[in-house]
Protein backbone atom coordinates (compact mmCIF):
# COMPACT_ATOMS: atom_id res chain seq x y z
CA MET A 1 -43.91 -44.87 -24.64
CA ALA A 2 -44.57 -41.58 -22.83
CA ARG A 3 -44.08 -43.31 -19.49
CA PHE A 4 -40.80 -44.82 -20.70
CA LEU A 5 -39.59 -41.42 -21.93
CA PHE A 6 -40.45 -39.81 -18.60
CA LEU A 7 -38.63 -42.58 -16.72
CA SER A 8 -35.56 -42.28 -18.94
CA GLN A 9 -35.46 -38.52 -18.38
CA PHE A 10 -35.74 -39.03 -14.64
CA MET A 11 -32.90 -41.56 -14.68
CA ALA A 12 -30.77 -39.12 -16.68
CA LEU A 13 -31.27 -36.52 -13.96
CA THR A 14 -30.33 -38.88 -11.16
CA ALA A 15 -27.15 -39.84 -13.02
CA CYS A 16 -25.93 -36.22 -12.91
CA THR A 17 -26.30 -35.50 -9.22
CA LEU A 18 -23.37 -33.67 -7.64
CA PRO A 19 -21.06 -35.31 -5.07
CA ASN A 20 -21.28 -34.03 -1.50
CA GLN A 21 -17.53 -33.46 -1.53
CA HIS A 22 -15.40 -32.35 -4.47
CA PRO A 23 -13.02 -35.15 -5.55
CA ASP A 24 -10.05 -32.74 -5.40
CA TYR A 25 -10.80 -31.43 -1.91
CA THR A 26 -8.13 -32.34 0.64
CA GLY A 27 -9.18 -30.12 3.54
CA LEU A 28 -9.13 -26.43 4.35
CA PRO A 29 -5.82 -24.92 3.21
CA GLU A 30 -3.47 -24.02 6.03
CA GLY A 31 -4.04 -20.47 7.15
CA THR A 32 -7.64 -20.28 5.91
CA LYS A 33 -9.41 -17.43 7.71
CA ALA A 34 -13.12 -17.01 8.24
CA SER A 35 -12.82 -13.30 7.43
CA THR A 36 -11.72 -14.02 3.84
CA PHE A 37 -13.68 -17.22 3.19
CA THR A 38 -15.26 -17.51 -0.28
CA CYS A 39 -17.03 -20.17 -2.30
CA CYS A 40 -19.22 -20.96 -5.23
CA GLU A 41 -16.96 -19.95 -8.14
CA ASP A 42 -18.27 -22.59 -10.57
CA PRO A 43 -22.01 -23.19 -10.03
CA ASP A 44 -22.57 -24.35 -13.64
CA ARG A 45 -21.08 -27.80 -13.13
CA GLN A 46 -23.79 -29.79 -14.83
CA PRO A 47 -24.12 -29.82 -18.63
CA ASP A 48 -26.58 -27.46 -20.32
CA TRP A 49 -28.85 -30.34 -21.32
CA PHE A 50 -29.16 -31.29 -17.64
CA ALA A 51 -30.18 -27.77 -16.65
CA GLY A 52 -32.82 -27.65 -19.37
CA LEU A 53 -34.20 -31.07 -18.50
CA ALA A 54 -34.17 -30.34 -14.77
CA LEU A 55 -36.10 -27.11 -15.30
CA ALA A 56 -38.63 -28.83 -17.56
CA LEU A 57 -39.23 -31.63 -15.05
CA SER A 58 -38.90 -29.68 -11.81
CA GLU A 59 -42.57 -28.76 -11.51
CA PRO A 60 -44.11 -32.14 -12.46
CA LEU A 61 -41.58 -33.96 -10.27
CA ALA A 62 -41.93 -31.59 -7.32
CA PRO A 63 -44.26 -33.90 -5.34
CA LEU A 64 -41.59 -36.61 -5.48
CA PHE A 65 -38.81 -34.29 -4.36
CA ASN A 66 -40.52 -32.29 -1.61
CA ALA A 67 -39.04 -33.04 1.81
CA GLU A 68 -41.47 -35.03 3.93
CA SER A 69 -41.92 -34.66 7.66
CA GLY A 70 -39.14 -36.39 9.55
CA SER A 71 -37.20 -37.25 6.39
CA GLY A 72 -33.92 -35.52 7.33
CA LEU A 73 -31.02 -36.82 9.38
CA LEU A 74 -31.79 -34.29 12.12
CA ALA A 75 -35.19 -35.91 12.73
CA ALA A 76 -33.50 -38.66 14.74
CA HIS A 77 -31.93 -36.08 17.06
CA PRO A 78 -34.55 -34.01 18.91
CA ALA A 79 -31.83 -32.48 21.09
CA ALA A 80 -30.20 -30.95 18.01
CA ILE A 81 -33.54 -29.59 16.81
CA GLU A 82 -34.32 -28.19 20.25
CA ARG A 83 -30.89 -26.55 20.37
CA VAL A 84 -31.55 -24.56 17.19
CA VAL A 85 -35.14 -23.72 18.10
CA ASP A 86 -34.05 -22.42 21.50
CA LYS A 87 -31.36 -20.19 19.96
CA ALA A 88 -33.46 -18.75 17.12
CA ARG A 89 -34.53 -15.11 17.44
CA PRO A 90 -36.97 -13.03 15.35
CA LEU A 91 -35.78 -12.39 11.79
CA ASP A 92 -32.85 -14.76 11.93
CA LEU A 93 -31.93 -16.55 8.70
CA LEU A 94 -31.36 -20.26 8.29
CA VAL A 95 -29.72 -22.26 5.53
CA PHE A 96 -30.10 -26.03 5.40
CA SER A 97 -28.36 -29.04 3.92
CA SER A 98 -30.27 -32.15 2.86
CA LYS A 99 -27.78 -34.28 0.98
CA SER A 100 -29.64 -37.44 1.97
CA HIS A 101 -32.36 -36.21 -0.43
CA LEU A 102 -32.00 -36.68 -4.18
CA SER A 103 -33.36 -33.21 -4.93
CA SER A 104 -30.62 -31.55 -2.86
CA ARG A 105 -27.90 -33.46 -4.68
CA MET A 106 -29.10 -31.93 -7.95
CA LEU A 107 -28.50 -28.40 -6.68
CA PRO A 108 -25.14 -26.61 -6.40
CA GLY A 109 -23.87 -26.18 -2.85
CA TRP A 110 -23.66 -27.89 0.51
CA PHE A 111 -26.57 -25.75 1.71
CA THR A 112 -29.50 -25.90 -0.71
CA HIS A 113 -32.47 -24.52 1.24
CA SER A 114 -33.14 -21.43 3.31
CA ALA A 115 -35.79 -19.77 5.46
CA VAL A 116 -36.61 -16.63 7.46
CA TYR A 117 -37.46 -17.10 11.13
CA ILE A 118 -40.32 -14.78 12.14
CA GLY A 119 -40.48 -15.72 15.82
CA THR A 120 -42.86 -16.87 18.53
CA GLU A 121 -45.53 -14.74 20.19
CA ALA A 122 -43.36 -14.20 23.27
CA GLN A 123 -40.34 -13.24 21.18
CA LEU A 124 -42.30 -10.83 19.01
CA ARG A 125 -43.92 -9.22 22.05
CA ALA A 126 -40.49 -8.77 23.62
CA ILE A 127 -39.27 -6.64 20.71
CA GLY A 128 -42.56 -4.82 20.15
CA LEU A 129 -43.53 -6.47 16.87
CA TRP A 130 -46.50 -8.61 17.96
CA SER A 131 -48.99 -5.81 17.23
CA HIS A 132 -47.37 -4.75 13.97
CA PRO A 133 -49.90 -4.74 11.07
CA SER A 134 -47.87 -7.30 9.11
CA ILE A 135 -47.88 -9.74 12.05
CA LYS A 136 -51.52 -9.40 13.18
CA PRO A 137 -53.03 -11.53 10.36
CA TYR A 138 -50.72 -14.37 11.42
CA HIS A 139 -51.42 -14.36 15.17
CA GLU A 140 -53.45 -17.57 15.01
CA ALA A 141 -50.87 -19.36 12.86
CA ILE A 142 -48.01 -18.28 15.14
CA ARG A 143 -49.90 -19.46 18.22
CA ALA A 144 -50.39 -22.79 16.43
CA GLY A 145 -46.62 -23.13 15.97
CA ALA A 146 -45.79 -21.51 12.63
CA ASN A 147 -42.70 -19.31 12.79
CA VAL A 148 -40.62 -19.60 9.59
CA VAL A 149 -41.26 -18.46 6.02
CA GLU A 150 -39.76 -20.82 3.44
CA GLY A 151 -40.03 -21.09 -0.32
CA VAL A 152 -41.12 -24.64 -1.11
CA SER A 153 -43.23 -26.17 -3.88
CA PRO A 154 -46.02 -25.46 -4.65
CA ASN A 155 -46.19 -22.25 -2.58
CA VAL A 156 -44.17 -20.17 -0.15
CA SER A 157 -45.17 -21.54 3.26
CA PHE A 158 -45.41 -20.42 6.88
CA SER A 159 -44.15 -23.42 8.83
CA ALA A 160 -42.88 -24.56 12.23
CA LEU A 161 -39.10 -24.42 12.57
CA SER A 162 -39.02 -27.76 14.37
CA ASP A 163 -40.80 -29.40 11.43
CA VAL A 164 -38.47 -27.81 8.89
CA LEU A 165 -35.42 -28.96 10.85
CA GLY A 166 -36.79 -32.51 10.92
CA GLN A 167 -36.81 -32.50 7.12
CA ARG A 168 -33.13 -31.53 6.86
CA ASP A 169 -29.71 -33.02 7.56
CA ALA A 170 -27.93 -29.89 8.80
CA ALA A 171 -28.82 -26.31 9.71
CA LEU A 172 -26.86 -23.07 9.97
CA LEU A 173 -28.52 -20.43 12.16
CA ILE A 174 -27.54 -16.89 11.13
CA ARG A 175 -28.27 -13.56 12.82
CA PRO A 176 -28.42 -10.36 10.76
CA GLU A 177 -27.11 -7.11 12.20
CA ILE A 178 -30.31 -5.11 11.79
CA ASN A 179 -32.35 -2.83 14.05
CA VAL A 180 -35.99 -3.15 15.11
CA ALA A 181 -37.26 -0.88 12.33
CA GLN A 182 -35.47 -3.03 9.77
CA LYS A 183 -36.91 -6.15 11.41
CA GLN A 184 -40.39 -4.70 10.88
CA THR A 185 -39.64 -4.31 7.18
CA VAL A 186 -38.20 -7.81 6.89
CA ALA A 187 -41.16 -9.42 8.64
CA ALA A 188 -43.65 -7.55 6.47
CA ARG A 189 -41.89 -8.44 3.23
CA ALA A 190 -41.39 -12.10 4.16
CA LEU A 191 -45.01 -12.59 5.21
CA ARG A 192 -46.29 -10.89 2.03
CA LEU A 193 -44.69 -13.74 0.10
CA VAL A 194 -46.59 -16.48 1.96
CA GLY A 195 -48.86 -18.28 -0.49
CA ARG A 196 -46.99 -17.04 -3.57
CA PRO A 197 -46.08 -19.71 -6.15
CA PHE A 198 -42.71 -21.43 -5.94
CA ASP A 199 -40.16 -20.43 -8.58
CA HIS A 200 -38.76 -23.60 -10.13
CA ALA A 201 -36.24 -21.50 -12.10
CA TYR A 202 -34.84 -19.84 -8.93
CA ASP A 203 -34.65 -16.60 -10.94
CA LEU A 204 -34.38 -13.37 -8.95
CA ASN A 205 -35.25 -11.30 -12.01
CA THR A 206 -38.87 -12.44 -11.82
CA CYS A 207 -41.49 -11.42 -9.26
CA ASP A 208 -44.37 -13.78 -9.96
CA SER A 209 -42.93 -16.70 -7.99
CA PHE A 210 -40.29 -17.19 -5.31
CA ALA A 211 -37.81 -19.94 -4.43
CA CYS A 212 -36.30 -20.27 -0.95
CA SER A 213 -33.27 -18.03 -1.45
CA GLU A 214 -35.42 -15.51 -3.33
CA VAL A 215 -37.45 -15.16 -0.13
CA LEU A 216 -34.22 -14.20 1.67
CA ALA A 217 -33.05 -11.74 -0.97
CA ARG A 218 -36.45 -10.06 -1.24
CA SER A 219 -37.14 -9.98 2.50
CA PHE A 220 -33.87 -8.27 3.45
CA PRO A 221 -33.47 -5.13 1.29
CA CYS A 222 -31.23 -3.81 4.07
CA LEU A 223 -28.64 -6.52 3.32
CA GLU A 224 -26.53 -6.89 0.20
CA PHE A 225 -26.25 -10.47 -1.04
CA PRO A 226 -23.96 -11.75 -3.81
CA VAL A 227 -25.97 -13.12 -6.74
CA ARG A 228 -24.68 -15.17 -9.66
CA ASP A 229 -25.74 -16.19 -13.13
CA VAL A 230 -26.47 -19.92 -12.94
CA GLN A 231 -27.64 -21.62 -16.13
CA GLY A 232 -29.17 -18.36 -17.35
CA SER A 233 -30.95 -17.42 -14.11
CA THR A 234 -29.92 -14.80 -11.56
CA VAL A 235 -29.57 -16.83 -8.38
CA LEU A 236 -28.68 -16.37 -4.72
CA LEU A 237 -26.98 -19.57 -3.58
CA PRO A 238 -27.54 -20.56 0.07
CA ASP A 239 -23.80 -21.32 0.23
CA ASP A 240 -23.11 -17.67 -0.65
CA VAL A 241 -25.33 -16.68 2.29
CA ALA A 242 -23.37 -19.05 4.52
CA ALA A 243 -20.04 -17.66 3.27
CA LYS A 244 -21.19 -14.09 3.91
CA ALA A 245 -22.08 -15.09 7.49
CA ILE A 246 -18.77 -16.91 7.92
CA ARG A 247 -16.96 -13.71 6.92
CA GLY A 248 -19.10 -11.74 9.37
CA GLU A 249 -20.40 -9.30 6.75
CA ASP A 250 -23.59 -7.93 8.37
CA LEU A 251 -24.39 -11.50 9.43
CA ARG A 252 -23.00 -13.74 12.15
CA ILE A 253 -23.27 -17.45 12.74
CA VAL A 254 -25.17 -18.37 15.90
CA ASP A 255 -24.92 -22.15 15.56
CA TYR A 256 -24.38 -25.00 13.14
CA VAL A 257 -25.71 -28.52 13.72
CA GLU A 258 -25.67 -31.59 11.51
CA GLY A 259 -26.97 -35.14 11.75
CA ARG A 260 -24.38 -37.87 11.35
CA GLY A 261 -26.31 -41.10 11.30
CA GLU A 262 -26.76 -42.23 14.90
CA GLN A 263 -24.94 -39.14 16.19
CA TRP A 264 -25.22 -35.39 15.74
CA ALA A 265 -22.65 -32.65 16.10
CA ALA A 266 -22.36 -28.88 16.44
CA PRO A 267 -19.00 -28.17 14.73
CA GLY A 268 -19.50 -24.40 14.64
CA VAL A 269 -18.06 -21.96 12.12
CA THR A 270 -15.13 -24.20 11.22
CA GLY A 271 -17.47 -27.11 10.55
CA ALA A 272 -19.59 -24.97 8.22
CA MET A 273 -16.46 -23.76 6.42
CA GLU A 274 -15.25 -27.32 5.92
CA ARG A 275 -18.58 -28.47 4.50
CA VAL A 276 -18.95 -25.56 2.08
CA ALA A 277 -15.31 -25.67 1.00
CA GLY A 278 -15.51 -29.44 0.64
CA PHE A 279 -18.42 -29.21 -1.77
CA TRP A 280 -16.81 -26.59 -4.02
CA GLY A 281 -13.24 -27.84 -3.87
CA PRO A 282 -10.21 -25.89 -5.15
CA THR A 283 -10.64 -22.68 -7.13
CA PRO A 284 -11.46 -23.75 -10.70
CA ILE A 285 -8.94 -23.31 -13.48
CA GLY A 286 -11.63 -22.31 -15.96
CA PRO A 287 -14.05 -19.34 -15.95
CA ILE A 288 -15.26 -18.10 -12.57
CA ALA A 289 -18.91 -17.09 -12.26
CA GLN A 290 -19.39 -13.33 -12.13
CA VAL A 291 -20.90 -11.94 -8.94
CA SER A 292 -23.34 -9.03 -8.83
CA SER A 293 -25.33 -7.37 -6.05
CA SER A 294 -28.84 -8.11 -4.85
CA HIS A 295 -29.28 -4.33 -4.62
CA ALA A 296 -29.25 -4.21 -8.43
CA LEU A 297 -32.25 -6.54 -8.76
CA PRO A 298 -35.49 -5.19 -10.24
CA THR A 299 -38.04 -4.16 -7.63
CA CYS A 300 -41.11 -6.32 -7.04
CA SER A 301 -44.47 -4.56 -6.85
CA VAL A 302 -45.89 -7.36 -4.66
CA LEU A 303 -43.57 -6.14 -1.89
């Protein structure tokens, strides 16, 4: 009976996955400008019972939903992966789409994962960060290929960007407008989160565990991110990060690549706009989610 109940709950979750493109989306409106691009007005699309069930099952089901090596559409396109890896620079941000994965289709947004790129030994030496106290404990890991901090279950991980890209369908590479001193702070804060438990509630008001976008928000105190109330949790949506970069607000888009079956493409800023806008569709008629600032979040003593 317990097994049947668990299976029925799982099937209920799969029945409420979100479409990759809003049924009312007909393309970017004429005259749409990157500088005024917005998104994410109605993140509470699923019913309350779904949110409660998803939260209750997220931890026990995590092993089933974690992205496996080579499971993304980009895995079939090493040239696309190499393109992003070659362009990445220390303390860049990345947001990822994985709509070929069931877990991603349960989350609001075209982009549903994010990471902080720390850099390679050569890159960190070039900007004078290789000998920084926060980097030194990770010299061996970096030399072995680790270079991105990402919040995944069960713990925040230090991974290789090429491996992370191979688990995803699309990737947006974003460069923050920050100086070297700020990069030192970002690197230190991001690496302090490695090994911390994953936050299945995605709630920025807690400091005992950290989801992927929480790693971004907590690592970059020098940047102001828009955060929203989603099913009772204070959340930074990766699509909001993408929209901020599209607008050019302290972030700029370096590249965007996506796997398309046997082909891959790099449709740039316009391509990212179309994907994000396509997921969210027209501005909703009903209530629009209130936006607050990441600068108003409670401080975390672990940082």
